């Protein structure tokens, strides 16, 4: 009997990430038709979009602080880097 894989959880909301296979509207048949992308995903699509919205708001706020309240460029870069680390995002 095959061992069941543990359910992968969303890093943002804690909900279960479901495999994207050919049954889903945007699923692509890959290898054994299970959608191999799910092992590298860490967020639901909805959660990822929310994080990107938070990023735009947070970075816009930092830009305002940089130009109007004169926080240092080093401090601004550190806060932006902290955001990437917190949400495990790449800088691409």
N, C-alpha and C. Protein backbone atom coordinates (compact mmCIF):
# COMPACT_ATOMS: atom_id res chain seq x y z
N UNK A 1 0.83 -1.18 0.00
CA UNK A 1 0.00 0.00 0.00
C UNK A 1 0.89 1.25 0.00
N UNK A 2 0.51 2.21 -0.83
CA UNK A 2 1.29 3.43 -0.97
C UNK A 2 1.05 4.35 0.22
N UNK A 3 2.15 4.95 0.70
CA UNK A 3 2.06 5.85 1.84
C UNK A 3 1.48 7.19 1.39
N UNK A 4 0.54 7.73 2.17
CA UNK A 4 -0.08 9.02 1.83
C UNK A 4 0.89 10.16 2.11
N UNK A 5 0.95 11.09 1.16
CA UNK A 5 1.78 12.27 1.37
C UNK A 5 1.09 13.20 2.36
N UNK A 6 1.86 13.87 3.22
CA UNK A 6 1.23 14.82 4.14
C UNK A 6 0.67 16.01 3.36
N UNK A 7 -0.42 16.56 3.86
CA UNK A 7 -1.04 17.72 3.20
C UNK A 7 -0.12 18.92 3.34
N UNK A 8 0.11 19.59 2.23
CA UNK A 8 0.93 20.79 2.24
C UNK A 8 0.05 21.98 2.60
N UNK A 9 0.55 22.86 3.47
CA UNK A 9 -0.23 24.00 3.96
C UNK A 9 0.25 25.30 3.34
N UNK A 10 -0.68 26.23 3.15
CA UNK A 10 -0.36 27.58 2.68
C UNK A 10 0.41 28.31 3.78
N UNK A 11 1.52 28.93 3.43
CA UNK A 11 2.35 29.64 4.41
C UNK A 11 1.65 30.90 4.93
N UNK A 12 0.66 31.41 4.20
CA UNK A 12 0.00 32.65 4.58
C UNK A 12 -1.24 32.41 5.45
N UNK A 13 -2.13 31.54 4.98
CA UNK A 13 -3.40 31.34 5.70
C UNK A 13 -3.47 30.02 6.46
N UNK A 14 -2.57 29.09 6.17
CA UNK A 14 -2.56 27.82 6.86
C UNK A 14 -3.49 26.77 6.28
N UNK A 15 -4.24 27.12 5.22
CA UNK A 15 -5.14 26.17 4.58
C UNK A 15 -4.38 25.15 3.75
N UNK A 16 -5.05 24.05 3.44
CA UNK A 16 -4.43 22.98 2.65
C UNK A 16 -4.29 23.42 1.19
N UNK A 17 -3.11 23.18 0.62
CA UNK A 17 -2.88 23.43 -0.80
C UNK A 17 -3.27 22.16 -1.56
N UNK A 18 -4.15 22.28 -2.51
CA UNK A 18 -4.58 21.14 -3.30
C UNK A 18 -3.77 21.06 -4.58
N UNK A 19 -3.57 19.85 -5.05
CA UNK A 19 -2.83 19.67 -6.29
C UNK A 19 -3.60 20.30 -7.44
N UNK A 20 -2.87 20.85 -8.40
CA UNK A 20 -3.49 21.37 -9.61
C UNK A 20 -3.25 20.33 -10.68
N UNK A 21 -4.25 19.58 -10.99
CA UNK A 21 -4.14 18.53 -12.00
C UNK A 21 -4.98 18.88 -13.21
N UNK A 22 -5.24 17.91 -14.05
CA UNK A 22 -5.99 18.18 -15.28
C UNK A 22 -7.47 18.38 -15.01
N UNK A 23 -7.93 18.05 -13.78
CA UNK A 23 -9.33 18.25 -13.47
C UNK A 23 -9.66 19.73 -13.28
N UNK A 24 -8.67 20.53 -12.88
CA UNK A 24 -8.88 21.94 -12.62
C UNK A 24 -8.86 22.71 -13.94
N UNK A 25 -9.55 23.84 -13.96
CA UNK A 25 -9.65 24.65 -15.17
C UNK A 25 -8.29 25.06 -15.71
N UNK A 26 -7.36 25.44 -14.81
CA UNK A 26 -6.05 25.88 -15.26
C UNK A 26 -5.00 24.79 -15.11
N UNK A 27 -5.44 23.54 -14.89
CA UNK A 27 -4.50 22.44 -14.71
C UNK A 27 -3.84 22.01 -16.01
N UNK A 28 -2.63 21.54 -15.90
CA UNK A 28 -1.87 21.08 -17.07
C UNK A 28 -1.43 19.65 -16.79
N UNK A 29 -1.67 18.73 -17.72
CA UNK A 29 -1.20 17.37 -17.48
C UNK A 29 0.33 17.29 -17.55
N UNK A 30 0.95 17.01 -16.41
CA UNK A 30 2.40 16.93 -16.33
C UNK A 30 2.75 15.55 -15.79
N UNK A 31 3.69 14.91 -16.38
CA UNK A 31 4.18 13.60 -15.99
C UNK A 31 3.02 12.63 -15.76
N UNK A 32 2.68 12.34 -14.52
CA UNK A 32 1.62 11.36 -14.28
C UNK A 32 0.26 12.03 -14.02
N UNK A 33 0.06 13.17 -14.61
CA UNK A 33 -1.20 13.90 -14.57
C UNK A 33 -1.60 14.39 -13.18
N UNK A 34 -0.62 14.60 -12.31
CA UNK A 34 -0.95 15.08 -10.97
C UNK A 34 -0.65 16.55 -10.78
N UNK A 35 0.01 17.17 -11.71
CA UNK A 35 0.37 18.58 -11.55
C UNK A 35 1.54 18.71 -10.61
N UNK A 36 2.73 18.54 -11.11
CA UNK A 36 3.93 18.50 -10.27
C UNK A 36 4.29 19.86 -9.65
N UNK A 37 3.58 20.90 -9.99
CA UNK A 37 3.91 22.21 -9.44
C UNK A 37 3.58 22.32 -7.96
N UNK A 38 2.74 21.48 -7.44
CA UNK A 38 2.24 21.69 -6.09
C UNK A 38 3.30 21.53 -5.02
N UNK A 39 4.38 20.80 -5.29
CA UNK A 39 5.43 20.62 -4.28
C UNK A 39 6.22 21.89 -4.05
N UNK A 40 6.30 22.76 -5.03
CA UNK A 40 7.06 23.99 -4.86
C UNK A 40 6.19 25.20 -4.51
N UNK A 41 4.87 25.05 -4.60
CA UNK A 41 3.99 26.16 -4.23
C UNK A 41 3.93 26.31 -2.72
N UNK A 42 3.91 27.54 -2.23
CA UNK A 42 3.77 27.75 -0.79
C UNK A 42 2.55 28.60 -0.45
N UNK A 43 1.87 29.12 -1.47
CA UNK A 43 0.69 29.96 -1.23
C UNK A 43 -0.46 29.55 -2.16
N UNK A 44 -1.70 29.77 -1.69
CA UNK A 44 -2.85 29.72 -2.60
C UNK A 44 -2.73 30.90 -3.56
N UNK A 45 -3.36 30.81 -4.70
CA UNK A 45 -3.33 31.91 -5.66
C UNK A 45 -3.91 33.18 -5.03
N UNK A 46 -5.01 33.02 -4.31
CA UNK A 46 -5.66 34.15 -3.65
C UNK A 46 -4.72 34.78 -2.61
N UNK A 47 -4.05 33.95 -1.83
CA UNK A 47 -3.14 34.44 -0.79
C UNK A 47 -1.95 35.16 -1.42
N UNK A 48 -1.44 34.61 -2.52
CA UNK A 48 -0.31 35.23 -3.21
C UNK A 48 -0.70 36.63 -3.72
N UNK A 49 -1.91 36.73 -4.27
CA UNK A 49 -2.37 38.04 -4.75
C UNK A 49 -2.49 39.03 -3.60
N UNK A 50 -2.95 38.56 -2.45
CA UNK A 50 -3.08 39.44 -1.28
C UNK A 50 -1.70 39.91 -0.81
N UNK A 51 -0.72 39.00 -0.83
CA UNK A 51 0.64 39.37 -0.45
C UNK A 51 1.20 40.41 -1.42
N UNK A 52 0.93 40.24 -2.71
CA UNK A 52 1.41 41.22 -3.70
C UNK A 52 0.76 42.58 -3.49
N UNK A 53 -0.52 42.59 -3.08
CA UNK A 53 -1.19 43.85 -2.76
C UNK A 53 -0.53 44.48 -1.54
N UNK A 54 -0.27 43.69 -0.52
CA UNK A 54 0.42 44.20 0.67
C UNK A 54 1.79 44.77 0.30
N UNK A 55 2.48 44.10 -0.62
CA UNK A 55 3.79 44.57 -1.05
C UNK A 55 3.68 45.95 -1.69
N UNK A 56 2.70 46.10 -2.60
CA UNK A 56 2.54 47.40 -3.26
C UNK A 56 2.23 48.50 -2.25
N UNK A 57 1.34 48.20 -1.30
CA UNK A 57 0.97 49.20 -0.29
C UNK A 57 2.16 49.52 0.61
N UNK A 58 2.84 48.48 1.09
CA UNK A 58 3.96 48.67 2.00
C UNK A 58 5.11 49.41 1.33
N UNK A 59 5.43 49.03 0.09
CA UNK A 59 6.54 49.69 -0.61
C UNK A 59 6.19 51.13 -0.97
N UNK A 60 4.92 51.40 -1.30
CA UNK A 60 4.50 52.77 -1.58
C UNK A 60 4.64 53.63 -0.33
N UNK A 61 4.25 53.05 0.82
CA UNK A 61 4.38 53.75 2.10
C UNK A 61 5.86 54.04 2.40
N UNK A 62 6.73 53.08 2.12
CA UNK A 62 8.16 53.30 2.34
C UNK A 62 8.71 54.39 1.43
N UNK A 63 8.23 54.42 0.19
CA UNK A 63 8.67 55.48 -0.73
C UNK A 63 8.25 56.85 -0.21
N UNK A 64 7.04 56.95 0.31
CA UNK A 64 6.57 58.22 0.87
C UNK A 64 7.43 58.61 2.06
N UNK A 65 7.71 57.66 2.94
CA UNK A 65 8.57 57.94 4.09
C UNK A 65 9.95 58.38 3.64
N UNK A 66 10.45 57.76 2.59
CA UNK A 66 11.80 58.08 2.08
C UNK A 66 11.85 59.52 1.56
N UNK A 67 10.83 59.91 0.79
CA UNK A 67 10.86 61.25 0.17
C UNK A 67 10.34 62.35 1.09
N UNK A 68 9.37 62.05 1.94
CA UNK A 68 8.77 63.11 2.75
C UNK A 68 9.34 63.18 4.16
N UNK A 69 9.64 62.04 4.75
CA UNK A 69 10.12 62.06 6.13
C UNK A 69 11.60 61.74 6.21
N UNK A 70 12.21 61.51 5.08
CA UNK A 70 13.66 61.37 4.97
C UNK A 70 14.22 60.22 5.80
N UNK A 71 13.61 59.03 5.70
CA UNK A 71 14.28 57.87 6.29
C UNK A 71 15.46 57.54 5.38
N UNK A 72 16.45 56.92 5.93
CA UNK A 72 17.66 56.65 5.13
C UNK A 72 17.37 55.57 4.08
N UNK A 73 18.14 55.63 3.02
CA UNK A 73 17.99 54.63 1.96
C UNK A 73 18.32 53.23 2.49
N UNK A 74 19.30 53.17 3.37
CA UNK A 74 19.67 51.88 3.97
C UNK A 74 18.51 51.30 4.77
N UNK A 75 17.84 52.14 5.53
CA UNK A 75 16.70 51.69 6.33
C UNK A 75 15.55 51.23 5.42
N UNK A 76 15.32 51.96 4.34
CA UNK A 76 14.27 51.59 3.40
C UNK A 76 14.59 50.23 2.76
N UNK A 77 15.83 50.03 2.33
CA UNK A 77 16.22 48.76 1.72
C UNK A 77 16.08 47.61 2.72
N UNK A 78 16.43 47.86 3.98
CA UNK A 78 16.32 46.83 5.01
C UNK A 78 14.85 46.43 5.21
N UNK A 79 13.96 47.42 5.26
CA UNK A 79 12.53 47.12 5.45
C UNK A 79 11.96 46.37 4.25
N UNK A 80 12.39 46.72 3.05
CA UNK A 80 11.93 45.99 1.87
C UNK A 80 12.46 44.56 1.89
N UNK A 81 13.71 44.39 2.27
CA UNK A 81 14.29 43.06 2.36
C UNK A 81 13.56 42.22 3.40
N UNK A 82 13.21 42.84 4.53
CA UNK A 82 12.46 42.14 5.58
C UNK A 82 11.12 41.62 5.04
N UNK A 83 10.49 42.40 4.18
CA UNK A 83 9.22 41.98 3.58
C UNK A 83 9.42 40.72 2.75
N UNK A 84 10.45 40.69 1.92
CA UNK A 84 10.74 39.53 1.08
C UNK A 84 11.01 38.29 1.94
N UNK A 85 11.76 38.47 3.01
CA UNK A 85 12.10 37.36 3.89
C UNK A 85 10.84 36.86 4.60
N UNK A 86 10.03 37.77 5.10
CA UNK A 86 8.82 37.40 5.85
C UNK A 86 7.89 36.53 5.01
N UNK A 87 7.71 36.88 3.75
CA UNK A 87 6.79 36.16 2.88
C UNK A 87 7.47 35.16 1.93
N UNK A 88 8.77 34.93 2.14
CA UNK A 88 9.53 33.96 1.36
C UNK A 88 9.41 34.20 -0.14
N UNK A 89 9.58 35.44 -0.56
CA UNK A 89 9.46 35.81 -1.97
C UNK A 89 10.83 35.98 -2.60
N UNK A 90 10.91 35.71 -3.89
CA UNK A 90 12.14 35.98 -4.62
C UNK A 90 12.09 37.43 -5.09
N UNK A 91 13.21 37.95 -5.47
CA UNK A 91 13.26 39.36 -5.88
C UNK A 91 13.09 39.55 -7.39
N UNK A 92 12.58 38.55 -8.09
CA UNK A 92 12.40 38.65 -9.55
C UNK A 92 11.18 39.44 -9.88
